[in-house]
Amino acid sequence: MEQEKKIIKTFTHSSFEDIFKSTRKAIHDFAKPLIASMKVSYWDLDQAANAIENSAVYAKISHKKYAFETYVARRITGTARLPLSLRLHSNSSRHLLRWP
């Protein structure tokens, strides 16, 4: 009980900001190679981003990375609400992939 009080006392606005920034960076650092892997595997990234957040409008194509970061954050917090089925385009045929 005493240790719990110490933890609560040391949790400040500044420490919350530090935790938030570290978490945001970890999500970004995880999503970046994930997106790169999807690209080299010929995923349709537009379709994937729209499956995550279909009503989003992106100012730049590169902003679609935020859809993937959002999906990672939702999976971490348990609030992901979609079973994601996407098509992989290859030279010879189409394959249905399930993510996750």
N, C-alpha and C. Protein backbone atom coordinates (compact mmCIF):
# COMPACT_ATOMS: atom_id res chain seq x y z
N MET A 1 0.82 -1.19 0.00
CA MET A 1 0.00 0.00 0.00
C MET A 1 0.87 1.26 0.00
N GLU A 2 1.90 1.25 0.83
CA GLU A 2 2.81 2.40 0.90
C GLU A 2 3.54 2.60 -0.43
N GLN A 3 3.96 1.48 -1.03
CA GLN A 3 4.66 1.56 -2.32
C GLN A 3 3.72 2.10 -3.40
N GLU A 4 2.45 1.73 -3.33
CA GLU A 4 1.45 2.22 -4.29
C GLU A 4 1.31 3.73 -4.18
N LYS A 5 1.33 4.26 -2.99
CA LYS A 5 1.22 5.70 -2.79
C LYS A 5 2.43 6.42 -3.39
N LYS A 6 3.63 5.83 -3.25
CA LYS A 6 4.84 6.42 -3.82
C LYS A 6 4.73 6.48 -5.35
N ILE A 7 4.22 5.41 -5.96
CA ILE A 7 4.08 5.39 -7.41
C ILE A 7 3.12 6.47 -7.86
N ILE A 8 2.01 6.61 -7.18
CA ILE A 8 1.01 7.63 -7.54
C ILE A 8 1.60 9.02 -7.38
N LYS A 9 2.35 9.26 -6.36
CA LYS A 9 2.95 10.57 -6.12
C LYS A 9 3.98 10.92 -7.19
N THR A 10 4.68 9.93 -7.72
CA THR A 10 5.72 10.22 -8.69
C THR A 10 5.18 10.29 -10.12
N PHE A 11 3.92 9.94 -10.33
CA PHE A 11 3.33 10.01 -11.66
C PHE A 11 2.83 11.43 -11.89
N THR A 12 3.59 12.20 -12.65
CA THR A 12 3.28 13.61 -12.88
C THR A 12 2.90 13.83 -14.34
N HIS A 13 2.52 15.04 -14.64
CA HIS A 13 2.22 15.42 -16.03
C HIS A 13 3.45 15.16 -16.91
N SER A 14 4.59 15.49 -16.40
CA SER A 14 5.83 15.30 -17.14
C SER A 14 6.10 13.82 -17.39
N SER A 15 5.89 12.98 -16.38
CA SER A 15 6.13 11.55 -16.58
C SER A 15 5.10 10.97 -17.55
N PHE A 16 3.86 11.45 -17.52
CA PHE A 16 2.85 11.00 -18.48
C PHE A 16 3.29 11.37 -19.90
N GLU A 17 3.78 12.59 -20.09
CA GLU A 17 4.28 13.01 -21.40
C GLU A 17 5.41 12.12 -21.88
N ASP A 18 6.33 11.80 -20.99
CA ASP A 18 7.45 10.92 -21.35
C ASP A 18 6.97 9.54 -21.78
N ILE A 19 6.02 8.99 -21.04
CA ILE A 19 5.47 7.67 -21.38
C ILE A 19 4.74 7.75 -22.71
N PHE A 20 3.97 8.80 -22.91
CA PHE A 20 3.22 8.97 -24.16
C PHE A 20 4.17 9.07 -25.35
N LYS A 21 5.19 9.87 -25.23
CA LYS A 21 6.16 10.04 -26.33
C LYS A 21 6.89 8.74 -26.63
N SER A 22 7.26 8.01 -25.60
CA SER A 22 7.95 6.72 -25.80
C SER A 22 7.03 5.72 -26.48
N THR A 23 5.78 5.70 -26.08
CA THR A 23 4.81 4.78 -26.69
C THR A 23 4.57 5.14 -28.14
N ARG A 24 4.40 6.43 -28.41
CA ARG A 24 4.19 6.89 -29.79
C ARG A 24 5.38 6.52 -30.67
N LYS A 25 6.59 6.70 -30.16
CA LYS A 25 7.78 6.36 -30.93
C LYS A 25 7.87 4.85 -31.16
N ALA A 26 7.53 4.06 -30.15
CA ALA A 26 7.57 2.60 -30.29
C ALA A 26 6.57 2.14 -31.35
N ILE A 27 5.39 2.72 -31.38
CA ILE A 27 4.39 2.37 -32.38
C ILE A 27 4.90 2.74 -33.77
N HIS A 28 5.46 3.93 -33.90
CA HIS A 28 6.02 4.38 -35.18
C HIS A 28 7.14 3.44 -35.63
N ASP A 29 8.04 3.12 -34.69
CA ASP A 29 9.18 2.26 -35.01
C ASP A 29 8.75 0.85 -35.39
N PHE A 30 7.61 0.39 -34.88
CA PHE A 30 7.10 -0.92 -35.26
C PHE A 30 6.39 -0.86 -36.62
N ALA A 31 5.61 0.18 -36.84
CA ALA A 31 4.82 0.30 -38.07
C ALA A 31 5.69 0.52 -39.31
N LYS A 32 6.79 1.22 -39.15
CA LYS A 32 7.63 1.55 -40.31
C LYS A 32 8.14 0.29 -41.04
N PRO A 33 8.78 -0.66 -40.37
CA PRO A 33 9.21 -1.87 -41.09
C PRO A 33 8.02 -2.75 -41.50
N LEU A 34 6.92 -2.67 -40.76
CA LEU A 34 5.72 -3.41 -41.15
C LEU A 34 5.23 -2.93 -42.51
N ILE A 35 5.15 -1.63 -42.69
CA ILE A 35 4.72 -1.04 -43.97
C ILE A 35 5.71 -1.39 -45.07
N ALA A 36 6.99 -1.32 -44.77
CA ALA A 36 8.01 -1.67 -45.76
C ALA A 36 7.86 -3.13 -46.19
N SER A 37 7.60 -4.02 -45.25
CA SER A 37 7.40 -5.43 -45.57
C SER A 37 6.15 -5.63 -46.43
N MET A 38 5.12 -4.88 -46.14
CA MET A 38 3.89 -4.96 -46.93
C MET A 38 4.15 -4.50 -48.37
N LYS A 39 4.95 -3.45 -48.51
CA LYS A 39 5.27 -2.94 -49.85
C LYS A 39 6.01 -3.98 -50.68
N VAL A 40 7.04 -4.59 -50.11
CA VAL A 40 7.83 -5.56 -50.88
C VAL A 40 7.05 -6.85 -51.12
N SER A 41 5.97 -7.06 -50.37
CA SER A 41 5.11 -8.22 -50.58
C SER A 41 3.93 -7.90 -51.48
N TYR A 42 3.97 -6.72 -52.11
CA TYR A 42 2.96 -6.28 -53.07
C TYR A 42 1.56 -6.12 -52.48
N TRP A 43 1.48 -5.70 -51.23
CA TRP A 43 0.19 -5.39 -50.66
C TRP A 43 -0.33 -4.12 -51.31
N ASP A 44 -1.61 -4.02 -51.44
CA ASP A 44 -2.26 -2.78 -51.88
C ASP A 44 -2.42 -1.91 -50.64
N LEU A 45 -1.47 -0.99 -50.44
CA LEU A 45 -1.46 -0.19 -49.21
C LEU A 45 -2.65 0.77 -49.14
N ASP A 46 -3.14 1.22 -50.29
CA ASP A 46 -4.33 2.07 -50.27
C ASP A 46 -5.52 1.29 -49.73
N GLN A 47 -5.69 0.08 -50.23
CA GLN A 47 -6.79 -0.76 -49.77
C GLN A 47 -6.64 -1.09 -48.28
N ALA A 48 -5.42 -1.38 -47.86
CA ALA A 48 -5.17 -1.70 -46.46
C ALA A 48 -5.48 -0.51 -45.57
N ALA A 49 -5.03 0.68 -45.95
CA ALA A 49 -5.30 1.88 -45.14
C ALA A 49 -6.79 2.16 -45.09
N ASN A 50 -7.49 1.97 -46.21
CA ASN A 50 -8.93 2.20 -46.22
C ASN A 50 -9.68 1.17 -45.39
N ALA A 51 -9.15 -0.05 -45.31
CA ALA A 51 -9.77 -1.07 -44.47
C ALA A 51 -9.65 -0.73 -43.00
N ILE A 52 -8.59 -0.04 -42.65
CA ILE A 52 -8.38 0.36 -41.25
C ILE A 52 -9.26 1.56 -40.91
N GLU A 53 -9.25 2.55 -41.77
CA GLU A 53 -9.99 3.79 -41.51
C GLU A 53 -10.55 4.28 -42.84
N ASN A 54 -11.74 3.79 -43.20
CA ASN A 54 -12.26 4.06 -44.54
C ASN A 54 -12.77 5.48 -44.75
N SER A 55 -13.02 6.22 -43.71
CA SER A 55 -13.54 7.57 -43.88
C SER A 55 -12.46 8.65 -43.81
N ALA A 56 -11.22 8.24 -43.62
CA ALA A 56 -10.13 9.22 -43.49
C ALA A 56 -9.78 9.82 -44.86
N VAL A 57 -9.47 11.10 -44.83
CA VAL A 57 -8.99 11.79 -46.02
C VAL A 57 -7.56 12.23 -45.70
N TYR A 58 -6.63 11.86 -46.58
CA TYR A 58 -5.21 12.13 -46.32
C TYR A 58 -4.75 13.29 -47.19
N ALA A 59 -4.08 14.26 -46.57
CA ALA A 59 -3.57 15.42 -47.31
C ALA A 59 -2.46 14.98 -48.26
N LYS A 60 -1.66 14.02 -47.83
CA LYS A 60 -0.57 13.48 -48.65
C LYS A 60 -0.65 11.96 -48.61
N ILE A 61 -0.19 11.33 -49.65
CA ILE A 61 -0.19 9.86 -49.71
C ILE A 61 0.61 9.29 -48.54
N SER A 62 1.69 9.97 -48.20
CA SER A 62 2.55 9.47 -47.12
C SER A 62 1.85 9.48 -45.76
N HIS A 63 0.76 10.21 -45.64
CA HIS A 63 0.03 10.27 -44.37
C HIS A 63 -0.74 8.99 -44.08
N LYS A 64 -0.85 8.10 -45.06
CA LYS A 64 -1.55 6.83 -44.84
C LYS A 64 -0.83 5.97 -43.81
N LYS A 65 0.43 6.31 -43.55
CA LYS A 65 1.16 5.56 -42.52
C LYS A 65 0.45 5.69 -41.17
N TYR A 66 -0.27 6.79 -40.97
CA TYR A 66 -0.97 6.99 -39.70
C TYR A 66 -2.10 5.99 -39.52
N ALA A 67 -2.69 5.51 -40.60
CA ALA A 67 -3.71 4.47 -40.49
C ALA A 67 -3.09 3.20 -39.91
N PHE A 68 -1.89 2.85 -40.37
CA PHE A 68 -1.22 1.64 -39.87
C PHE A 68 -0.78 1.83 -38.42
N GLU A 69 -0.31 3.01 -38.09
CA GLU A 69 0.07 3.29 -36.71
C GLU A 69 -1.16 3.22 -35.81
N THR A 70 -2.29 3.70 -36.30
CA THR A 70 -3.54 3.63 -35.55
C THR A 70 -3.93 2.17 -35.31
N TYR A 71 -3.80 1.35 -36.35
CA TYR A 71 -4.14 -0.06 -36.20
C TYR A 71 -3.25 -0.74 -35.15
N VAL A 72 -1.96 -0.45 -35.19
CA VAL A 72 -1.05 -1.02 -34.19
C VAL A 72 -1.46 -0.58 -32.79
N ALA A 73 -1.76 0.70 -32.62
CA ALA A 73 -2.17 1.21 -31.31
C ALA A 73 -3.47 0.54 -30.85
N ARG A 74 -4.40 0.35 -31.78
CA ARG A 74 -5.66 -0.31 -31.43
C ARG A 74 -5.43 -1.76 -31.02
N ARG A 75 -4.52 -2.45 -31.70
CA ARG A 75 -4.23 -3.83 -31.33
C ARG A 75 -3.59 -3.89 -29.95
N ILE A 76 -2.70 -2.95 -29.66
CA ILE A 76 -2.04 -2.92 -28.35
C ILE A 76 -3.05 -2.70 -27.25
N THR A 77 -3.99 -1.80 -27.47
CA THR A 77 -4.97 -1.46 -26.43
C THR A 77 -6.19 -2.37 -26.44
N GLY A 78 -6.26 -3.26 -27.43
CA GLY A 78 -7.40 -4.18 -27.49
C GLY A 78 -8.65 -3.56 -28.07
N THR A 79 -8.51 -2.44 -28.78
CA THR A 79 -9.68 -1.77 -29.34
C THR A 79 -9.78 -1.91 -30.85
N ALA A 80 -8.96 -2.77 -31.44
CA ALA A 80 -9.03 -3.00 -32.90
C ALA A 80 -10.37 -3.63 -33.20
N ARG A 81 -11.02 -3.14 -34.23
CA ARG A 81 -12.38 -3.60 -34.49
C ARG A 81 -12.55 -4.22 -35.87
N LEU A 82 -11.44 -4.66 -36.46
CA LEU A 82 -11.63 -5.27 -37.77
C LEU A 82 -10.77 -6.48 -37.98
N PRO A 83 -11.39 -7.53 -38.51
CA PRO A 83 -10.59 -8.61 -39.06
C PRO A 83 -10.22 -8.17 -40.46
N LEU A 84 -8.99 -8.04 -40.76
CA LEU A 84 -8.53 -7.41 -41.99
C LEU A 84 -8.23 -8.45 -43.06
N SER A 85 -9.00 -8.43 -44.14
CA SER A 85 -8.75 -9.31 -45.29
C SER A 85 -8.33 -8.43 -46.45
N LEU A 86 -7.17 -8.69 -46.97
CA LEU A 86 -6.65 -7.87 -48.06
C LEU A 86 -6.13 -8.74 -49.18
N ARG A 87 -6.11 -8.17 -50.36
CA ARG A 87 -5.60 -8.90 -51.52
C ARG A 87 -4.14 -8.57 -51.75
N LEU A 88 -3.39 -9.59 -52.05
CA LEU A 88 -1.99 -9.46 -52.42
C LEU A 88 -1.92 -9.62 -53.93
N HIS A 89 -1.37 -8.64 -54.59
CA HIS A 89 -1.26 -8.71 -56.04
C HIS A 89 0.12 -9.23 -56.41
N SER A 90 0.13 -10.34 -57.12
CA SER A 90 1.40 -10.87 -57.61
C SER A 90 1.33 -10.92 -59.13
N ASN A 91 2.43 -11.19 -59.76
CA ASN A 91 2.47 -11.26 -61.22
C ASN A 91 1.64 -12.41 -61.77
N SER A 92 1.57 -13.53 -61.07
CA SER A 92 0.92 -14.71 -61.61
C SER A 92 -0.52 -14.90 -61.17
N SER A 93 -0.84 -14.54 -59.94
CA SER A 93 -2.20 -14.76 -59.45
C SER A 93 -2.47 -13.86 -58.25
N ARG A 94 -3.71 -13.93 -57.78
CA ARG A 94 -4.09 -13.15 -56.60
C ARG A 94 -4.25 -14.10 -55.42
N HIS A 95 -3.83 -13.65 -54.29
CA HIS A 95 -3.92 -14.47 -53.08
C HIS A 95 -4.65 -13.66 -52.02
N LEU A 96 -5.47 -14.32 -51.25
CA LEU A 96 -6.17 -13.67 -50.16
C LEU A 96 -5.34 -13.82 -48.89
N LEU A 97 -5.04 -12.72 -48.27
CA LEU A 97 -4.27 -12.75 -47.02
C LEU A 97 -5.17 -12.31 -45.88
N ARG A 98 -4.93 -12.86 -44.72
CA ARG A 98 -5.63 -12.42 -43.51
C ARG A 98 -4.60 -11.75 -42.63
N TRP A 99 -4.99 -10.61 -42.13
CA TRP A 99 -4.10 -9.87 -41.22
C TRP A 99 -4.89 -9.54 -40.00
N PRO A 100 -4.58 -9.93 -38.87
CA PRO A 100 -3.39 -10.61 -38.39
C PRO A 100 -3.44 -12.08 -38.61
